[in-house]
Amino acid sequence: MTCMVGTDNPTNKLTDKQVLEIYNLCKTTDMRYKDIAEMYNIVPSQVSLIVGGYKWKYLNLDPLPRIVRGSRRNGRTGCYT
């Protein structure tokens, strides 16, 4: 049995292009995971899994460092939960 990944999996809500858009939003803006998730009709934890490198691994996206994913605390910028 072969594992279906990405757009080959009929249960996925996102395309490869959308995953790349989410990754780039988190890398270049200070949008919250919640706001990005609403844009793509997914849950915030899915955004976290994408930018953390846990899902969509075959796209070879480097996990974003914690400081980029960061939070509002301590003046950090980047996506936050």
C-alpha atoms as a PDB file:
ATOM      1  CA  MET A   1       0.000   0.000   0.000  1.00  0.00           C
ATOM      2  CA  THR A   2       1.340   3.414  -0.986  1.00  0.00           C
ATOM      3  CA  CYS A   3       0.909   6.474   1.179  1.00  0.00           C
ATOM      4  CA  MET A   4      -0.810   9.325  -0.639  1.00  0.00           C
ATOM      5  CA  VAL A   5       0.767  12.701   0.058  1.00  0.00           C
ATOM      6  CA  GLY A   6      -0.111  16.257  -0.841  1.00  0.00           C
ATOM      7  CA  THR A   7      -2.714  16.758  -3.523  1.00  0.00           C
ATOM      8  CA  ASP A   8      -2.751  13.008  -4.275  1.00  0.00           C
ATOM      9  CA  ASN A   9      -4.551  12.511  -0.959  1.00  0.00           C
ATOM     10  CA  PRO A  10      -8.273  13.160  -1.544  1.00  0.00           C
ATOM     11  CA  THR A  11      -8.827  14.206   2.093  1.00  0.00           C
ATOM     12  CA  ASN A  12      -6.395  17.156   1.947  1.00  0.00           C
ATOM     13  CA  LYS A  13      -7.947  20.616   1.931  1.00  0.00           C
ATOM     14  CA  LEU A  14      -4.825  22.395   0.685  1.00  0.00           C
ATOM     15  CA  THR A  15      -2.880  22.410  -2.554  1.00  0.00           C
ATOM     16  CA  ASP A  16       0.901  22.599  -2.694  1.00  0.00           C
ATOM     17  CA  LYS A  17       0.579  26.226  -3.787  1.00  0.00           C
ATOM     18  CA  GLN A  18      -1.576  27.076  -0.759  1.00  0.00           C
ATOM     19  CA  VAL A  19       0.901  25.407   1.604  1.00  0.00           C
ATOM     20  CA  LEU A  20       3.700  27.507   0.124  1.00  0.00           C
ATOM     21  CA  GLU A  21       1.554  30.636   0.516  1.00  0.00           C
ATOM     22  CA  ILE A  22       0.920  29.809   4.186  1.00  0.00           C
ATOM     23  CA  TYR A  23       4.611  29.196   4.780  1.00  0.00           C
ATOM     24  CA  ASN A  24       5.561  32.490   3.132  1.00  0.00           C
ATOM     25  CA  LEU A  25       2.884  34.418   5.053  1.00  0.00           C
ATOM     26  CA  CYS A  26       4.360  33.148   8.290  1.00  0.00           C
ATOM     27  CA  LYS A  27       7.882  33.856   7.153  1.00  0.00           C
ATOM     28  CA  THR A  28       7.274  37.412   5.966  1.00  0.00           C
ATOM     29  CA  THR A  29       4.358  38.809   8.004  1.00  0.00           C
ATOM     30  CA  ASP A  30       3.230  39.017  11.613  1.00  0.00           C
ATOM     31  CA  MET A  31      -0.174  37.453  10.955  1.00  0.00           C
ATOM     32  CA  ARG A  32      -1.547  35.115  13.611  1.00  0.00           C
ATOM     33  CA  TYR A  33      -1.992  31.418  12.828  1.00  0.00           C
ATOM     34  CA  LYS A  34      -5.693  31.893  13.540  1.00  0.00           C
ATOM     35  CA  ASP A  35      -6.034  34.583  10.865  1.00  0.00           C
ATOM     36  CA  ILE A  36      -4.112  32.576   8.280  1.00  0.00           C
ATOM     37  CA  ALA A  37      -6.139  29.472   9.096  1.00  0.00           C
ATOM     38  CA  GLU A  38      -9.384  31.360   8.526  1.00  0.00           C
ATOM     39  CA  MET A  39      -8.133  32.485   5.101  1.00  0.00           C
ATOM     40  CA  TYR A  40      -7.633  28.857   4.055  1.00  0.00           C
ATOM     41  CA  ASN A  41     -10.514  27.261   5.979  1.00  0.00           C
ATOM     42  CA  ILE A  42      -8.225  25.142   8.162  1.00  0.00           C
ATOM     43  CA  VAL A  43      -7.458  25.065  11.893  1.00  0.00           C
ATOM     44  CA  PRO A  44      -4.569  27.071  13.395  1.00  0.00           C
ATOM     45  CA  SER A  45      -2.754  23.909  14.485  1.00  0.00           C
ATOM     46  CA  GLN A  46      -2.443  22.923  10.815  1.00  0.00           C
ATOM     47  CA  VAL A  47      -0.637  26.206  10.119  1.00  0.00           C
ATOM     48  CA  SER A  48       1.697  25.441  13.016  1.00  0.00           C
ATOM     49  CA  LEU A  49       2.417  21.960  11.645  1.00  0.00           C
ATOM     50  CA  ILE A  50       3.217  23.390   8.209  1.00  0.00           C
ATOM     51  CA  VAL A  51       5.630  26.089   9.384  1.00  0.00           C
ATOM     52  CA  GLY A  52       7.168  23.761  11.953  1.00  0.00           C
ATOM     53  CA  GLY A  53       8.069  21.261   9.235  1.00  0.00           C
ATOM     54  CA  TYR A  54       5.883  18.450  10.565  1.00  0.00           C
ATOM     55  CA  LYS A  55       3.431  18.267   7.659  1.00  0.00           C
ATOM     56  CA  TRP A  56       3.919  18.561   3.899  1.00  0.00           C
ATOM     57  CA  LYS A  57       7.529  17.430   4.345  1.00  0.00           C
ATOM     58  CA  TYR A  58       7.888  16.438   0.702  1.00  0.00           C
ATOM     59  CA  LEU A  59       7.865  20.161  -0.216  1.00  0.00           C
ATOM     60  CA  ASN A  60      11.227  20.430   1.594  1.00  0.00           C
ATOM     61  CA  LEU A  61      10.315  23.573   3.514  1.00  0.00           C
ATOM     62  CA  ASP A  62      12.791  24.454   6.223  1.00  0.00           C
ATOM     63  CA  PRO A  63      11.071  24.697   9.602  1.00  0.00           C
ATOM     64  CA  LEU A  64      10.890  28.326  10.638  1.00  0.00           C
ATOM     65  CA  PRO A  65      12.900  29.152  13.753  1.00  0.00           C
ATOM     66  CA  ARG A  66      10.915  29.788  16.911  1.00  0.00           C
ATOM     67  CA  ILE A  67      11.873  33.463  16.892  1.00  0.00           C
ATOM     68  CA  VAL A  68      10.248  33.893  13.480  1.00  0.00           C
ATOM     69  CA  ARG A  69       7.157  31.975  14.539  1.00  0.00           C
ATOM     70  CA  GLY A  70       7.470  33.779  17.883  1.00  0.00           C
ATOM     71  CA  SER A  71       4.775  35.637  19.750  1.00  0.00           C
ATOM     72  CA  ARG A  72       3.839  39.146  20.760  1.00  0.00           C
ATOM     73  CA  ARG A  73       5.942  38.815  23.891  1.00  0.00           C
ATOM     74  CA  ASN A  74       9.377  40.398  24.055  1.00  0.00           C
ATOM     75  CA  GLY A  75       8.860  42.333  20.825  1.00  0.00           C
ATOM     76  CA  ARG A  76       9.208  39.296  18.579  1.00  0.00           C
ATOM     77  CA  THR A  77       7.788  39.429  15.106  1.00  0.00           C
ATOM     78  CA  GLY A  78       6.508  36.810  12.721  1.00  0.00           C
ATOM     79  CA  CYS A  79       3.560  34.460  12.927  1.00  0.00           C
ATOM     80  CA  TYR A  80       2.190  33.733  16.328  1.00  0.00           C
ATOM     81  CA  THR A  81      -0.550  31.595  17.746  1.00  0.00           C
END
